[in-house]
Amino acid sequence: MRDKKMNEKFIEKLYKAIIKDGIDEYKDLLGNTNLEDATDKYWEKSLDLYKSLTADNREKMLKFAELVMIDTISNIFGVLDGSTSLPEESFECKVSINGNSTENELQDTFLAYVEDIAESQQ
């Protein structure tokens, strides 16, 4: 059984929770954390870079982080949908939402949603 609206609702909620809220959280943390308070070496390097940038370049850095998040989610959906394969191994994944098959369309639905958002922001 397939429920396209359920897939779209899932994608919308996932985008908000992971990408929109995630970028907002990174922006808050990067802008409000002192370098001396960083305990993770990756976080320390990220903070050091962020603090050295102009306001315009900080926004560009966050846009790049958003792009990485979008690409990562898209690639995971591609593997789950079967449109992207993993090297030297074959896996069969079946994904359902609330018992409804996603019909291998999560990646396409996700990318269409991201495209719609980008178009609405222009």
Protein backbone atom coordinates (compact mmCIF):
# COMPACT_ATOMS: atom_id res chain seq x y z
CA MET A 1 0.00 0.00 0.00
CA ARG A 2 1.31 3.44 -0.92
CA ASP A 3 0.52 6.82 0.58
CA LYS A 4 2.23 9.66 -1.31
CA LYS A 5 0.85 12.29 1.10
CA MET A 6 2.36 10.40 4.04
CA ASN A 7 5.75 10.38 2.28
CA GLU A 8 5.50 14.13 1.67
CA LYS A 9 4.50 14.82 5.27
CA PHE A 10 7.41 12.67 6.49
CA ILE A 11 9.85 14.56 4.24
CA GLU A 12 8.52 17.93 5.40
CA LYS A 13 8.87 16.98 9.08
CA LEU A 14 12.33 15.46 8.50
CA TYR A 15 13.53 18.58 6.67
CA LYS A 16 12.36 20.84 9.50
CA ALA A 17 13.77 18.66 12.28
CA ILE A 18 17.15 17.88 10.74
CA ILE A 19 17.98 20.67 8.33
CA LYS A 20 16.06 23.78 9.36
CA ASP A 21 16.34 23.25 13.12
CA GLY A 22 19.85 21.82 12.73
CA ILE A 23 21.17 24.89 10.91
CA ASP A 24 19.48 27.17 13.46
CA GLU A 25 21.16 25.21 16.26
CA TYR A 26 24.58 25.35 14.58
CA LYS A 27 24.20 29.08 14.02
CA ASP A 28 23.31 29.60 17.68
CA LEU A 29 26.12 27.39 18.97
CA LEU A 30 28.75 28.81 16.63
CA GLY A 31 27.73 32.36 17.46
CA ASN A 32 27.44 31.90 21.22
CA THR A 33 30.13 29.39 22.22
CA ASN A 34 33.53 30.58 23.35
CA LEU A 35 36.47 28.85 21.74
CA GLU A 36 37.89 28.06 25.19
CA ASP A 37 34.70 26.13 26.04
CA ALA A 38 35.05 23.70 23.12
CA THR A 39 36.05 20.21 24.23
CA ASP A 40 35.82 18.34 20.91
CA LYS A 41 38.71 18.90 18.48
CA TYR A 42 36.37 19.10 15.46
CA TRP A 43 34.08 21.53 17.22
CA GLU A 44 37.11 23.61 18.28
CA LYS A 45 38.36 23.82 14.68
CA SER A 46 34.88 24.70 13.42
CA LEU A 47 34.49 27.43 16.03
CA ASP A 48 37.92 28.82 15.24
CA LEU A 49 37.09 28.98 11.54
CA TYR A 50 33.62 30.44 12.10
CA LYS A 51 34.88 33.17 14.43
CA SER A 52 37.57 34.17 11.91
CA LEU A 53 35.02 34.80 9.14
CA THR A 54 33.12 37.92 8.18
CA ALA A 55 29.35 37.91 8.76
CA ASP A 56 28.78 37.25 5.03
CA ASN A 57 31.21 34.33 5.00
CA ARG A 58 29.64 32.91 8.16
CA GLU A 59 26.33 32.72 6.29
CA LYS A 60 28.12 31.03 3.39
CA MET A 61 29.63 28.49 5.79
CA LEU A 62 26.17 27.69 7.19
CA LYS A 63 24.78 27.37 3.64
CA PHE A 64 27.56 24.90 2.89
CA ALA A 65 26.68 22.93 6.05
CA GLU A 66 23.05 22.89 4.85
CA LEU A 67 24.17 21.59 1.44
CA VAL A 68 26.15 18.79 3.11
CA MET A 69 23.12 17.86 5.23
CA ILE A 70 20.85 17.80 2.16
CA ASP A 71 23.31 15.72 0.12
CA THR A 72 23.81 13.26 2.97
CA ILE A 73 20.09 12.73 3.52
CA SER A 74 19.53 12.40 -0.23
CA ASN A 75 22.29 9.79 -0.52
CA ILE A 76 20.91 7.78 2.40
CA PHE A 77 17.44 7.85 0.84
CA GLY A 78 19.00 6.76 -2.47
CA VAL A 79 20.55 3.72 -0.81
CA LEU A 80 17.30 2.89 1.00
CA ASP A 81 15.29 3.37 -2.22
CA GLY A 82 17.66 1.25 -4.26
CA SER A 83 18.54 4.00 -6.76
CA THR A 84 22.06 4.21 -5.31
CA SER A 85 24.06 1.08 -4.62
CA LEU A 86 26.85 0.50 -2.19
CA PRO A 87 30.13 -0.72 -3.65
CA GLU A 88 30.73 -4.47 -3.87
CA GLU A 89 27.61 -5.36 -1.90
CA SER A 90 23.93 -5.72 -2.61
CA PHE A 91 21.35 -4.89 0.03
CA GLU A 92 17.61 -4.92 -0.31
CA CYS A 93 15.88 -2.35 1.86
CA LYS A 94 12.17 -1.93 2.32
CA VAL A 95 11.09 1.31 3.89
CA SER A 96 7.61 2.04 5.14
CA ILE A 97 6.02 4.89 7.03
CA ASN A 98 3.23 3.95 9.40
CA GLY A 99 2.98 0.63 7.59
CA ASN A 100 2.73 2.21 4.14
CA SER A 101 5.39 1.46 1.54
CA THR A 102 7.40 4.43 0.37
CA GLU A 103 7.54 2.83 -3.10
CA ASN A 104 11.21 3.76 -3.41
CA GLU A 105 10.39 7.44 -3.73
CA LEU A 106 11.88 9.04 -0.61
CA GLN A 107 14.92 10.43 -2.42
CA ASP A 108 12.84 11.93 -5.24
CA THR A 109 10.27 13.33 -2.83
CA PHE A 110 13.01 14.80 -0.64
CA LEU A 111 14.86 16.43 -3.55
CA ALA A 112 11.60 17.84 -4.96
CA TYR A 113 10.79 19.34 -1.56
CA VAL A 114 14.26 20.90 -1.29
CA GLU A 115 13.89 22.31 -4.81
CA ASP A 116 10.48 23.78 -3.96
CA ILE A 117 11.97 25.50 -0.91
CA ALA A 118 14.88 26.88 -2.95
CA GLU A 119 12.51 28.24 -5.61
CA SER A 120 10.27 29.89 -3.01
CA GLN A 121 13.30 31.69 -1.51
CA GLN A 122 14.36 33.29 -4.79
